[in-house]
PDB file of N, CA and C in Angstrom:
ATOM      1  N   MET A   1       0.856  -1.168   0.000  1.00  0.00           N
ATOM      2  CA  MET A   1       0.000   0.000   0.000  1.00  0.00           C
ATOM      3  C   MET A   1       0.901   1.229   0.000  1.00  0.00           C
ATOM      4  N   SER A   2       0.634   2.179  -0.888  1.00  0.00           N
ATOM      5  CA  SER A   2       1.440   3.383  -0.973  1.00  0.00           C
ATOM      6  C   SER A   2       1.033   4.387   0.086  1.00  0.00           C
ATOM      7  N   LYS A   3       1.831   5.453   0.212  1.00  0.00           N
ATOM      8  CA  LYS A   3       1.554   6.480   1.208  1.00  0.00           C
ATOM      9  C   LYS A   3       0.261   7.227   0.920  1.00  0.00           C
ATOM     10  N   THR A   4      -0.146   7.280  -0.337  1.00  0.00           N
ATOM     11  CA  THR A   4      -1.314   8.089  -0.684  1.00  0.00           C
ATOM     12  C   THR A   4      -2.612   7.309  -0.655  1.00  0.00           C
ATOM     13  N   GLU A   5      -2.551   6.004  -0.419  1.00  0.00           N
ATOM     14  CA  GLU A   5      -3.779   5.214  -0.378  1.00  0.00           C
ATOM     15  C   GLU A   5      -4.059   4.748   1.040  1.00  0.00           C
ATOM     16  N   ASN A   6      -5.304   4.793   1.408  1.00  0.00           N
ATOM     17  CA  ASN A   6      -5.740   4.309   2.702  1.00  0.00           C
ATOM     18  C   ASN A   6      -6.897   3.354   2.437  1.00  0.00           C
ATOM     19  N   LYS A   7      -6.649   2.066   2.554  1.00  0.00           N
ATOM     20  CA  LYS A   7      -7.639   1.062   2.173  1.00  0.00           C
ATOM     21  C   LYS A   7      -8.837   1.023   3.122  1.00  0.00           C
ATOM     22  N   THR A   8      -8.695   1.505   4.349  1.00  0.00           N
ATOM     23  CA  THR A   8      -9.795   1.394   5.294  1.00  0.00           C
ATOM     24  C   THR A   8     -10.955   2.309   4.949  1.00  0.00           C
ATOM     25  N   ASN A   9     -10.679   3.530   4.462  1.00  0.00           N
ATOM     26  CA  ASN A   9     -11.793   4.414   4.138  1.00  0.00           C
ATOM     27  C   ASN A   9     -11.833   4.797   2.663  1.00  0.00           C
ATOM     28  N   ASN A  10     -11.037   4.118   1.847  1.00  0.00           N
ATOM     29  CA  ASN A  10     -11.105   4.248   0.400  1.00  0.00           C
ATOM     30  C   ASN A  10     -10.893   5.685  -0.087  1.00  0.00           C
ATOM     31  N   THR A  11      -9.836   6.339   0.416  1.00  0.00           N
ATOM     32  CA  THR A  11      -9.533   7.697  -0.008  1.00  0.00           C
ATOM     33  C   THR A  11      -8.184   7.737  -0.688  1.00  0.00           C
ATOM     34  N   ILE A  12      -8.003   8.710  -1.547  1.00  0.00           N
ATOM     35  CA  ILE A  12      -6.710   8.958  -2.171  1.00  0.00           C
ATOM     36  C   ILE A  12      -6.421  10.434  -2.030  1.00  0.00           C
ATOM     37  N   THR A  13      -5.239  10.733  -1.538  1.00  0.00           N
ATOM     38  CA  THR A  13      -4.826  12.125  -1.443  1.00  0.00           C
ATOM     39  C   THR A  13      -3.908  12.435  -2.620  1.00  0.00           C
ATOM     40  N   PRO A  14      -3.907  13.663  -3.111  1.00  0.00           N
ATOM     41  CA  PRO A  14      -3.156  13.988  -4.316  1.00  0.00           C
ATOM     42  C   PRO A  14      -1.681  14.291  -4.078  1.00  0.00           C
ATOM     43  N   ALA A  15      -1.066  13.679  -3.079  1.00  0.00           N
ATOM     44  CA  ALA A  15       0.328  13.963  -2.757  1.00  0.00           C
ATOM     45  C   ALA A  15       1.262  13.659  -3.928  1.00  0.00           C
ATOM     46  N   SER A  16       1.000  12.584  -4.635  1.00  0.00           N
ATOM     47  CA  SER A  16       1.904  12.201  -5.714  1.00  0.00           C
ATOM     48  C   SER A  16       1.203  12.153  -7.067  1.00  0.00           C
ATOM     49  N   VAL A  17       0.161  12.944  -7.228  1.00  0.00           N
ATOM     50  CA  VAL A  17      -0.565  12.955  -8.490  1.00  0.00           C
ATOM     51  C   VAL A  17       0.221  13.802  -9.486  1.00  0.00           C
ATOM     52  N   PRO A  18       0.745  13.185 -10.540  1.00  0.00           N
ATOM     53  CA  PRO A  18       1.513  13.965 -11.514  1.00  0.00           C
ATOM     54  C   PRO A  18       0.592  14.818 -12.376  1.00  0.00           C
ATOM     55  N   PRO A  19       1.087  15.965 -12.845  1.00  0.00           N
ATOM     56  CA  PRO A  19       0.253  16.773 -13.740  1.00  0.00           C
ATOM     57  C   PRO A  19      -0.041  15.994 -15.021  1.00  0.00           C
ATOM     58  N   SER A  20      -1.256  16.086 -15.487  1.00  0.00           N
ATOM     59  CA  SER A  20      -1.620  15.329 -16.683  1.00  0.00           C
ATOM     60  C   SER A  20      -1.897  16.280 -17.830  1.00  0.00           C
ATOM     61  N   THR A  21      -2.238  15.700 -18.942  1.00  0.00           N
ATOM     62  CA  THR A  21      -2.536  16.490 -20.127  1.00  0.00           C
ATOM     63  C   THR A  21      -4.035  16.506 -20.393  1.00  0.00           C
ATOM     64  N   MET A  22      -4.829  16.402 -19.332  1.00  0.00           N
ATOM     65  CA  MET A  22      -6.278  16.413 -19.466  1.00  0.00           C
ATOM     66  C   MET A  22      -6.731  17.789 -19.953  1.00  0.00           C
ATOM     67  N   THR A  23      -7.628  17.786 -20.922  1.00  0.00           N
ATOM     68  CA  THR A  23      -8.162  19.046 -21.439  1.00  0.00           C
ATOM     69  C   THR A  23      -9.438  19.408 -20.679  1.00  0.00           C
ATOM     70  N   ALA A  24      -9.904  20.627 -20.876  1.00  0.00           N
ATOM     71  CA  ALA A  24     -11.134  21.066 -20.223  1.00  0.00           C
ATOM     72  C   ALA A  24     -12.328  20.239 -20.702  1.00  0.00           C
ATOM     73  N   GLU A  25     -12.333  19.845 -21.973  1.00  0.00           N
ATOM     74  CA  GLU A  25     -13.417  19.016 -22.498  1.00  0.00           C
ATOM     75  C   GLU A  25     -13.451  17.656 -21.815  1.00  0.00           C
ATOM     76  N   GLU A  26     -12.282  17.059 -21.619  1.00  0.00           N
ATOM     77  CA  GLU A  26     -12.212  15.767 -20.942  1.00  0.00           C
ATOM     78  C   GLU A  26     -12.642  15.904 -19.480  1.00  0.00           C
ATOM     79  N   ALA A  27     -12.299  17.033 -18.859  1.00  0.00           N
ATOM     80  CA  ALA A  27     -12.668  17.270 -17.468  1.00  0.00           C
ATOM     81  C   ALA A  27     -14.177  17.394 -17.314  1.00  0.00           C
ATOM     82  N   THR A  28     -14.840  18.004 -18.290  1.00  0.00           N
ATOM     83  CA  THR A  28     -16.300  18.131 -18.203  1.00  0.00           C
ATOM     84  C   THR A  28     -16.998  16.785 -18.402  1.00  0.00           C
ATOM     85  N   VAL A  29     -16.330  15.846 -19.041  1.00  0.00           N
ATOM     86  CA  VAL A  29     -16.884  14.496 -19.179  1.00  0.00           C
ATOM     87  C   VAL A  29     -16.751  13.755 -17.844  1.00  0.00           C
ATOM     88  N   ILE A  30     -15.698  14.045 -17.080  1.00  0.00           N
ATOM     89  CA  ILE A  30     -15.466  13.393 -15.785  1.00  0.00           C
ATOM     90  C   ILE A  30     -16.433  13.929 -14.726  1.00  0.00           C
ATOM     91  N   ILE A  31     -16.494  15.255 -14.561  1.00  0.00           N
ATOM     92  CA  ILE A  31     -17.354  15.869 -13.547  1.00  0.00           C
ATOM     93  C   ILE A  31     -18.636  16.312 -14.227  1.00  0.00           C
ATOM     94  N   LEU A  32     -19.740  15.670 -13.879  1.00  0.00           N
ATOM     95  CA  LEU A  32     -21.009  15.929 -14.549  1.00  0.00           C
ATOM     96  C   LEU A  32     -21.756  17.114 -13.947  1.00  0.00           C
ATOM     97  N   SER A  33     -21.922  17.140 -12.616  1.00  0.00           N
ATOM     98  CA  SER A  33     -22.660  18.227 -11.977  1.00  0.00           C
ATOM     99  C   SER A  33     -22.438  18.194 -10.475  1.00  0.00           C
ATOM    100  N   PRO A  34     -22.652  19.332  -9.810  1.00  0.00           N
ATOM    101  CA  PRO A  34     -22.638  19.317  -8.342  1.00  0.00           C
ATOM    102  C   PRO A  34     -23.862  18.562  -7.838  1.00  0.00           C
ATOM    103  N   TYR A  35     -23.747  17.955  -6.680  1.00  0.00           N
ATOM    104  CA  TYR A  35     -24.853  17.208  -6.082  1.00  0.00           C
ATOM    105  C   TYR A  35     -25.120  17.820  -4.715  1.00  0.00           C
ATOM    106  N   VAL A  36     -26.269  18.455  -4.558  1.00  0.00           N
ATOM    107  CA  VAL A  36     -26.559  19.158  -3.315  1.00  0.00           C
ATOM    108  C   VAL A  36     -27.861  18.652  -2.700  1.00  0.00           C
ATOM    109  N   THR A  37     -27.766  18.232  -1.447  1.00  0.00           N
ATOM    110  CA  THR A  37     -28.916  17.876  -0.625  1.00  0.00           C
ATOM    111  C   THR A  37     -28.701  18.546   0.734  1.00  0.00           C
ATOM    112  N   GLU A  38     -29.617  18.348   1.664  1.00  0.00           N
ATOM    113  CA  GLU A  38     -29.419  18.907   2.999  1.00  0.00           C
ATOM    114  C   GLU A  38     -28.148  18.356   3.629  1.00  0.00           C
ATOM    115  N   LYS A  39     -27.918  17.078   3.460  1.00  0.00           N
ATOM    116  CA  LYS A  39     -26.736  16.449   4.048  1.00  0.00           C
ATOM    117  C   LYS A  39     -25.455  17.011   3.432  1.00  0.00           C
ATOM    118  N   THR A  40     -25.413  17.142   2.124  1.00  0.00           N
ATOM    119  CA  THR A  40     -24.206  17.663   1.487  1.00  0.00           C
ATOM    120  C   THR A  40     -24.034  19.144   1.779  1.00  0.00           C
ATOM    121  N   PHE A  41     -25.136  19.843   2.010  1.00  0.00           N
ATOM    122  CA  PHE A  41     -25.049  21.262   2.377  1.00  0.00           C
ATOM    123  C   PHE A  41     -24.359  21.397   3.730  1.00  0.00           C
ATOM    124  N   ASN A  42     -24.665  20.492   4.662  1.00  0.00           N
ATOM    125  CA  ASN A  42     -23.990  20.489   5.961  1.00  0.00           C
ATOM    126  C   ASN A  42     -22.516  20.141   5.813  1.00  0.00           C
ATOM    127  N   GLN A  43     -22.179  19.270   4.875  1.00  0.00           N
ATOM    128  CA  GLN A  43     -20.780  18.925   4.641  1.00  0.00           C
ATOM    129  C   GLN A  43     -19.984  20.128   4.153  1.00  0.00           C
ATOM    130  N   ILE A  44     -20.614  20.988   3.381  1.00  0.00           N
ATOM    131  CA  ILE A  44     -19.933  22.194   2.903  1.00  0.00           C
ATOM    132  C   ILE A  44     -19.488  23.023   4.104  1.00  0.00           C
ATOM    133  N   GLU A  45     -20.383  23.213   5.058  1.00  0.00           N
ATOM    134  CA  GLU A  45     -20.101  24.060   6.216  1.00  0.00           C
ATOM    135  C   GLU A  45     -19.183  23.395   7.233  1.00  0.00           C
ATOM    136  N   LYS A  46     -19.425  22.122   7.545  1.00  0.00           N
ATOM    137  CA  LYS A  46     -18.721  21.485   8.655  1.00  0.00           C
ATOM    138  C   LYS A  46     -17.463  20.721   8.267  1.00  0.00           C
ATOM    139  N   GLU A  47     -17.450  20.129   7.070  1.00  0.00           N
ATOM    140  CA  GLU A  47     -16.340  19.252   6.695  1.00  0.00           C
ATOM    141  C   GLU A  47     -15.514  19.770   5.518  1.00  0.00           C
ATOM    142  N   ASN A  48     -15.866  20.948   4.983  1.00  0.00           N
ATOM    143  CA  ASN A  48     -15.156  21.520   3.845  1.00  0.00           C
ATOM    144  C   ASN A  48     -15.194  20.570   2.640  1.00  0.00           C
ATOM    145  N   LYS A  49     -16.358  19.972   2.388  1.00  0.00           N
ATOM    146  CA  LYS A  49     -16.533  19.018   1.290  1.00  0.00           C
ATOM    147  C   LYS A  49     -17.656  19.464   0.371  1.00  0.00           C
ATOM    148  N   LEU A  50     -17.492  19.160  -0.909  1.00  0.00           N
ATOM    149  CA  LEU A  50     -18.552  19.320  -1.903  1.00  0.00           C
ATOM    150  C   LEU A  50     -18.760  17.969  -2.572  1.00  0.00           C
ATOM    151  N   SER A  51     -19.975  17.707  -3.009  1.00  0.00           N
ATOM    152  CA  SER A  51     -20.294  16.449  -3.687  1.00  0.00           C
ATOM    153  C   SER A  51     -20.595  16.714  -5.154  1.00  0.00           C
ATOM    154  N   PHE A  52     -20.140  15.805  -6.001  1.00  0.00           N
ATOM    155  CA  PHE A  52     -20.352  15.914  -7.434  1.00  0.00           C
ATOM    156  C   PHE A  52     -20.783  14.573  -7.984  1.00  0.00           C
ATOM    157  N   MET A  53     -21.654  14.612  -8.980  1.00  0.00           N
ATOM    158  CA  MET A  53     -21.942  13.417  -9.771  1.00  0.00           C
ATOM    159  C   MET A  53     -20.820  13.330 -10.793  1.00  0.00           C
ATOM    160  N   VAL A  54     -20.240  12.155 -10.930  1.00  0.00           N
ATOM    161  CA  VAL A  54     -19.121  11.976 -11.851  1.00  0.00           C
ATOM    162  C   VAL A  54     -19.390  10.800 -12.777  1.00  0.00           C
ATOM    163  N   ALA A  55     -18.603  10.705 -13.820  1.00  0.00           N
ATOM    164  CA  ALA A  55     -18.747   9.608 -14.775  1.00  0.00           C
ATOM    165  C   ALA A  55     -18.446   8.275 -14.089  1.00  0.00           C
ATOM    166  N   GLU A  56     -19.131   7.238 -14.509  1.00  0.00           N
ATOM    167  CA  GLU A  56     -18.960   5.906 -13.918  1.00  0.00           C
ATOM    168  C   GLU A  56     -17.529   5.396 -14.039  1.00  0.00           C
ATOM    169  N   HIS A  57     -16.843   5.768 -15.098  1.00  0.00           N
ATOM    170  CA  HIS A  57     -15.493   5.272 -15.342  1.00  0.00           C
ATOM    171  C   HIS A  57     -14.406   6.143 -14.709  1.00  0.00           C
ATOM    172  N   ALA A  58     -14.785   7.226 -14.036  1.00  0.00           N
ATOM    173  CA  ALA A  58     -13.813   8.183 -13.497  1.00  0.00           C
ATOM    174  C   ALA A  58     -13.071   7.601 -12.295  1.00  0.00           C
ATOM    175  N   SER A  59     -11.735   7.736 -12.326  1.00  0.00           N
ATOM    176  CA  SER A  59     -10.923   7.336 -11.174  1.00  0.00           C
ATOM    177  C   SER A  59     -10.742   8.536 -10.259  1.00  0.00           C
ATOM    178  N   LYS A  60     -10.269   8.285  -9.062  1.00  0.00           N
ATOM    179  CA  LYS A  60     -10.052   9.370  -8.109  1.00  0.00           C
ATOM    180  C   LYS A  60      -8.994  10.349  -8.623  1.00  0.00           C
ATOM    181  N   HIS A  61      -7.968   9.832  -9.243  1.00  0.00           N
ATOM    182  CA  HIS A  61      -6.921  10.698  -9.803  1.00  0.00           C
ATOM    183  C   HIS A  61      -7.487  11.585 -10.916  1.00  0.00           C
ATOM    184  N   GLN A  62      -8.342  11.031 -11.744  1.00  0.00           N
ATOM    185  CA  GLN A  62      -8.973  11.829 -12.801  1.00  0.00           C
ATOM    186  C   GLN A  62      -9.881  12.904 -12.214  1.00  0.00           C
ATOM    187  N   ILE A  63     -10.593  12.583 -11.140  1.00  0.00           N
ATOM    188  CA  ILE A  63     -11.468  13.564 -10.493  1.00  0.00           C
ATOM    189  C   ILE A  63     -10.647  14.710  -9.917  1.00  0.00           C
ATOM    190  N   ILE A  64      -9.534  14.396  -9.281  1.00  0.00           N
ATOM    191  CA  ILE A  64      -8.651  15.431  -8.725  1.00  0.00           C
ATOM    192  C   ILE A  64      -8.154  16.354  -9.830  1.00  0.00           C
ATOM    193  N   GLU A  65      -7.717  15.773 -10.932  1.00  0.00           N
ATOM    194  CA  GLU A  65      -7.204  16.567 -12.046  1.00  0.00           C
ATOM    195  C   GLU A  65      -8.308  17.404 -12.690  1.00  0.00           C
ATOM    196  N   ALA A  66      -9.495  16.830 -12.836  1.00  0.00           N
ATOM    197  CA  ALA A  66     -10.620  17.565 -13.424  1.00  0.00           C
ATOM    198  C   ALA A  66     -11.016  18.745 -12.539  1.00  0.00           C
ATOM    199  N   MET A  67     -10.992  18.574 -11.220  1.00  0.00           N
ATOM    200  CA  MET A  67     -11.285  19.681 -10.300  1.00  0.00           C
ATOM    201  C   MET A  67     -10.249  20.790 -10.451  1.00  0.00           C
ATOM    202  N   ARG A  68      -9.000  20.403 -10.600  1.00  0.00           N
ATOM    203  CA  ARG A  68      -7.917  21.378 -10.768  1.00  0.00           C
ATOM    204  C   ARG A  68      -8.102  22.175 -12.058  1.00  0.00           C
ATOM    205  N   ILE A  69      -8.526  21.509 -13.115  1.00  0.00           N
ATOM    206  CA  ILE A  69      -8.678  22.170 -14.414  1.00  0.00           C
ATOM    207  C   ILE A  69      -9.954  23.014 -14.465  1.00  0.00           C
ATOM    208  N   LEU A  70     -11.082  22.442 -14.057  1.00  0.00           N
ATOM    209  CA  LEU A  70     -12.361  23.142 -14.189  1.00  0.00           C
ATOM    210  C   LEU A  70     -12.541  24.284 -13.196  1.00  0.00           C
ATOM    211  N   TYR A  71     -12.154  24.042 -11.948  1.00  0.00           N
ATOM    212  CA  TYR A  71     -12.470  25.003 -10.896  1.00  0.00           C
ATOM    213  C   TYR A  71     -11.247  25.683 -10.296  1.00  0.00           C
ATOM    214  N   GLU A  72     -10.050  25.317 -10.755  1.00  0.00           N
ATOM    215  CA  GLU A  72      -8.791  25.909 -10.299  1.00  0.00           C
ATOM    216  C   GLU A  72      -8.684  25.874  -8.775  1.00  0.00           C
ATOM    217  N   THR A  73      -8.969  24.723  -8.196  1.00  0.00           N
ATOM    218  CA  THR A  73      -8.884  24.539  -6.750  1.00  0.00           C
ATOM    219  C   THR A  73      -7.970  23.359  -6.441  1.00  0.00           C
ATOM    220  N   GLU A  74      -7.377  23.381  -5.258  1.00  0.00           N
ATOM    221  CA  GLU A  74      -6.542  22.281  -4.810  1.00  0.00           C
ATOM    222  C   GLU A  74      -7.375  21.353  -3.932  1.00  0.00           C
ATOM    223  N   VAL A  75      -7.324  20.075  -4.240  1.00  0.00           N
ATOM    224  CA  VAL A  75      -8.109  19.061  -3.557  1.00  0.00           C
ATOM    225  C   VAL A  75      -7.233  18.342  -2.542  1.00  0.00           C
ATOM    226  N   GLN A  76      -7.763  18.140  -1.342  1.00  0.00           N
ATOM    227  CA  GLN A  76      -7.039  17.403  -0.316  1.00  0.00           C
ATOM    228  C   GLN A  76      -7.261  15.906  -0.467  1.00  0.00           C
ATOM    229  N   GLU A  77      -8.535  15.507  -0.654  1.00  0.00           N
ATOM    230  CA  GLU A  77      -8.841  14.086  -0.833  1.00  0.00           C
ATOM    231  C   GLU A  77     -10.166  13.918  -1.561  1.00  0.00           C
ATOM    232  N   VAL A  78     -10.353  12.714  -2.093  1.00  0.00           N
ATOM    233  CA  VAL A  78     -11.588  12.370  -2.800  1.00  0.00           C
ATOM    234  C   VAL A  78     -12.076  11.015  -2.313  1.00  0.00           C
ATOM    235  N   ASN A  79     -13.347  10.958  -1.956  1.00  0.00           N
ATOM    236  CA  ASN A  79     -14.020   9.696  -1.653  1.00  0.00           C
ATOM    237  C   ASN A  79     -15.077   9.497  -2.725  1.00  0.00           C
ATOM    238  N   THR A  80     -15.271   8.256  -3.159  1.00  0.00           N
ATOM    239  CA  THR A  80     -16.287   7.981  -4.169  1.00  0.00           C
ATOM    240  C   THR A  80     -17.270   6.944  -3.654  1.00  0.00           C
ATOM    241  N   ALA A  81     -18.472   6.988  -4.217  1.00  0.00           N
ATOM    242  CA  ALA A  81     -19.506   6.012  -3.875  1.00  0.00           C
ATOM    243  C   ALA A  81     -20.372   5.778  -5.099  1.00  0.00           C
ATOM    244  N   ARG A  82     -20.729   4.538  -5.315  1.00  0.00           N
ATOM    245  CA  ARG A  82     -21.657   4.202  -6.396  1.00  0.00           C
ATOM    246  C   ARG A  82     -23.042   4.053  -5.783  1.00  0.00           C
ATOM    247  N   THR A  83     -23.995   4.804  -6.335  1.00  0.00           N
ATOM    248  CA  THR A  83     -25.366   4.784  -5.815  1.00  0.00           C
ATOM    249  C   THR A  83     -26.326   4.503  -6.958  1.00  0.00           C
ATOM    250  N   ILE A  84     -27.596   4.465  -6.636  1.00  0.00           N
ATOM    251  CA  ILE A  84     -28.619   4.261  -7.653  1.00  0.00           C
ATOM    252  C   ILE A  84     -28.605   5.406  -8.655  1.00  0.00           C
ATOM    253  N   GLN A  85     -28.348   6.636  -8.170  1.00  0.00           N
ATOM    254  CA  GLN A  85     -28.321   7.803  -9.056  1.00  0.00           C
ATOM    255  C   GLN A  85     -27.088   7.823  -9.958  1.00  0.00           C
ATOM    256  N   GLY A  86     -26.029   7.125  -9.571  1.00  0.00           N
ATOM    257  CA  GLY A  86     -24.780   7.112 -10.321  1.00  0.00           C
ATOM    258  C   GLY A  86     -23.604   7.231  -9.368  1.00  0.00           C
ATOM    259  N   LYS A  87     -22.443   7.498  -9.914  1.00  0.00           N
ATOM    260  CA  LYS A  87     -21.248   7.604  -9.095  1.00  0.00           C
ATOM    261  C   LYS A  87     -21.122   9.017  -8.542  1.00  0.00           C
ATOM    262  N   LYS A  88     -20.854   9.100  -7.234  1.00  0.00           N
ATOM    263  CA  LYS A  88     -20.695  10.389  -6.573  1.00  0.00           C
ATOM    264  C   LYS A  88     -19.271  10.508  -6.066  1.00  0.00           C
ATOM    265  N   ALA A  89     -18.751  11.734  -6.110  1.00  0.00           N
ATOM    266  CA  ALA A  89     -17.434  12.024  -5.554  1.00  0.00           C
ATOM    267  C   ALA A  89     -17.609  13.055  -4.458  1.00  0.00           C
ATOM    268  N   PHE A  90     -17.039  12.772  -3.297  1.00  0.00           N
ATOM    269  CA  PHE A  90     -17.055  13.697  -2.174  1.00  0.00           C
ATOM    270  C   PHE A  90     -15.647  14.284  -2.079  1.00  0.00           C
ATOM    271  N   VAL A  91     -15.529  15.569  -2.382  1.00  0.00           N
ATOM    272  CA  VAL A  91     -14.231  16.220  -2.539  1.00  0.00           C
ATOM    273  C   VAL A  91     -13.966  17.132  -1.351  1.00  0.00           C
ATOM    274  N   ARG A  92     -12.837  16.915  -0.669  1.00  0.00           N
ATOM    275  CA  ARG A  92     -12.406  17.799   0.423  1.00  0.00           C
ATOM    276  C   ARG A  92     -11.296  18.695  -0.124  1.00  0.00           C
ATOM    277  N   PHE A  93     -11.367  19.966   0.238  1.00  0.00           N
ATOM    278  CA  PHE A  93     -10.447  20.967  -0.294  1.00  0.00           C
ATOM    279  C   PHE A  93      -9.334  21.292   0.685  1.00  0.00           C
ATOM    280  N   LYS A  94      -8.162  21.692   0.150  1.00  0.00           N
ATOM    281  CA  LYS A  94      -7.031  22.088   0.981  1.00  0.00           C
ATOM    282  C   LYS A  94      -7.306  23.409   1.681  1.00  0.00           C
ATOM    283  N   ASP A  95      -7.845  24.368   0.952  1.00  0.00           N
ATOM    284  CA  ASP A  95      -8.153  25.675   1.515  1.00  0.00           C
ATOM    285  C   ASP A  95      -9.259  25.534   2.557  1.00  0.00           C
ATOM    286  N   ILE A  96      -9.156  26.259   3.656  1.00  0.00           N
ATOM    287  CA  ILE A  96     -10.118  26.154   4.754  1.00  0.00           C
ATOM    288  C   ILE A  96     -11.546  26.451   4.286  1.00  0.00           C
ATOM    289  N   ASP A  97     -11.712  27.455   3.451  1.00  0.00           N
ATOM    290  CA  ASP A  97     -13.039  27.811   2.947  1.00  0.00           C
ATOM    291  C   ASP A  97     -13.229  27.388   1.494  1.00  0.00           C
ATOM    292  N   GLY A  98     -12.506  26.390   1.045  1.00  0.00           N
ATOM    293  CA  GLY A  98     -12.564  25.971  -0.347  1.00  0.00           C
ATOM    294  C   GLY A  98     -13.939  25.537  -0.801  1.00  0.00           C
ATOM    295  N   ALA A  99     -14.615  24.717  -0.004  1.00  0.00           N
ATOM    296  CA  ALA A  99     -15.946  24.224  -0.386  1.00  0.00           C
ATOM    297  C   ALA A  99     -16.951  25.366  -0.420  1.00  0.00           C
ATOM    298  N   ARG A 100     -16.908  26.225   0.581  1.00  0.00           N
ATOM    299  CA  ARG A 100     -17.852  27.345   0.641  1.00  0.00           C
ATOM    300  C   ARG A 100     -17.617  28.311  -0.525  1.00  0.00           C
ATOM    301  N   ASN A 101     -16.348  28.597  -0.822  1.00  0.00           N
ATOM    302  CA  ASN A 101     -16.034  29.515  -1.930  1.00  0.00           C
ATOM    303  C   ASN A 101     -16.494  28.953  -3.272  1.00  0.00           C
ATOM    304  N   LEU A 102     -16.231  27.668  -3.511  1.00  0.00           N
ATOM    305  CA  LEU A 102     -16.643  27.065  -4.773  1.00  0.00           C
ATOM    306  C   LEU A 102     -18.163  26.952  -4.860  1.00  0.00           C
ATOM    307  N   ALA A 103     -18.824  26.632  -3.760  1.00  0.00           N
ATOM    308  CA  ALA A 103     -20.284  26.549  -3.752  1.00  0.00           C
ATOM    309  C   ALA A 103     -20.888  27.913  -4.072  1.00  0.00           C
ATOM    310  N   THR A 104     -20.298  28.970  -3.547  1.00  0.00           N
ATOM    311  CA  THR A 104     -20.768  30.320  -3.846  1.00  0.00           C
ATOM    312  C   THR A 104     -20.538  30.652  -5.315  1.00  0.00           C
ATOM    313  N   LYS A 105     -19.382  30.292  -5.816  1.00  0.00           N
ATOM    314  CA  LYS A 105     -19.030  30.524  -7.211  1.00  0.00           C
ATOM    315  C   LYS A 105     -19.991  29.801  -8.159  1.00  0.00           C
ATOM    316  N   LEU A 106     -20.418  28.600  -7.762  1.00  0.00           N
ATOM    317  CA  LEU A 106     -21.328  27.796  -8.578  1.00  0.00           C
ATOM    318  C   LEU A 106     -22.796  28.179  -8.361  1.00  0.00           C
ATOM    319  N   GLY A 107     -23.059  29.054  -7.414  1.00  0.00           N
ATOM    320  CA  GLY A 107     -24.429  29.486  -7.144  1.00  0.00           C
ATOM    321  C   GLY A 107     -25.227  28.511  -6.301  1.00  0.00           C
ATOM    322  N   LEU A 108     -24.567  27.687  -5.520  1.00  0.00           N
ATOM    323  CA  LEU A 108     -25.251  26.694  -4.699  1.00  0.00           C
ATOM    324  C   LEU A 108     -25.639  27.241  -3.335  1.00  0.00           C
ATOM    325  N   VAL A 109     -24.932  28.268  -2.887  1.00  0.00           N
ATOM    326  CA  VAL A 109     -25.177  28.852  -1.563  1.00  0.00           C
ATOM    327  C   VAL A 109     -25.833  30.200  -1.738  1.00  0.00           C
TER     328      VAL A 109
END
């Protein structure tokens, strides 16, 4: 197991994520839309996390890179879950107010 993987809670941190050649078009295929409910709204405030619906084939590394390209933000970690609605990514930001700032920018708050 590498330093950036934690098998117990299925997270990957971008400590060793190399810069890729992903284009903005490819990034929009990876990140489909923000996902906001009451629970995710609380995560924005308390845990500095935002939730996104992502492509079924998207890896955590691709999600980190797509966030960097589309929203110009630094990601601390990504958790993913497959649900009936599709694949969701729960993104925690490095900046203390990263989730709140991006949610405001996207018009969610």
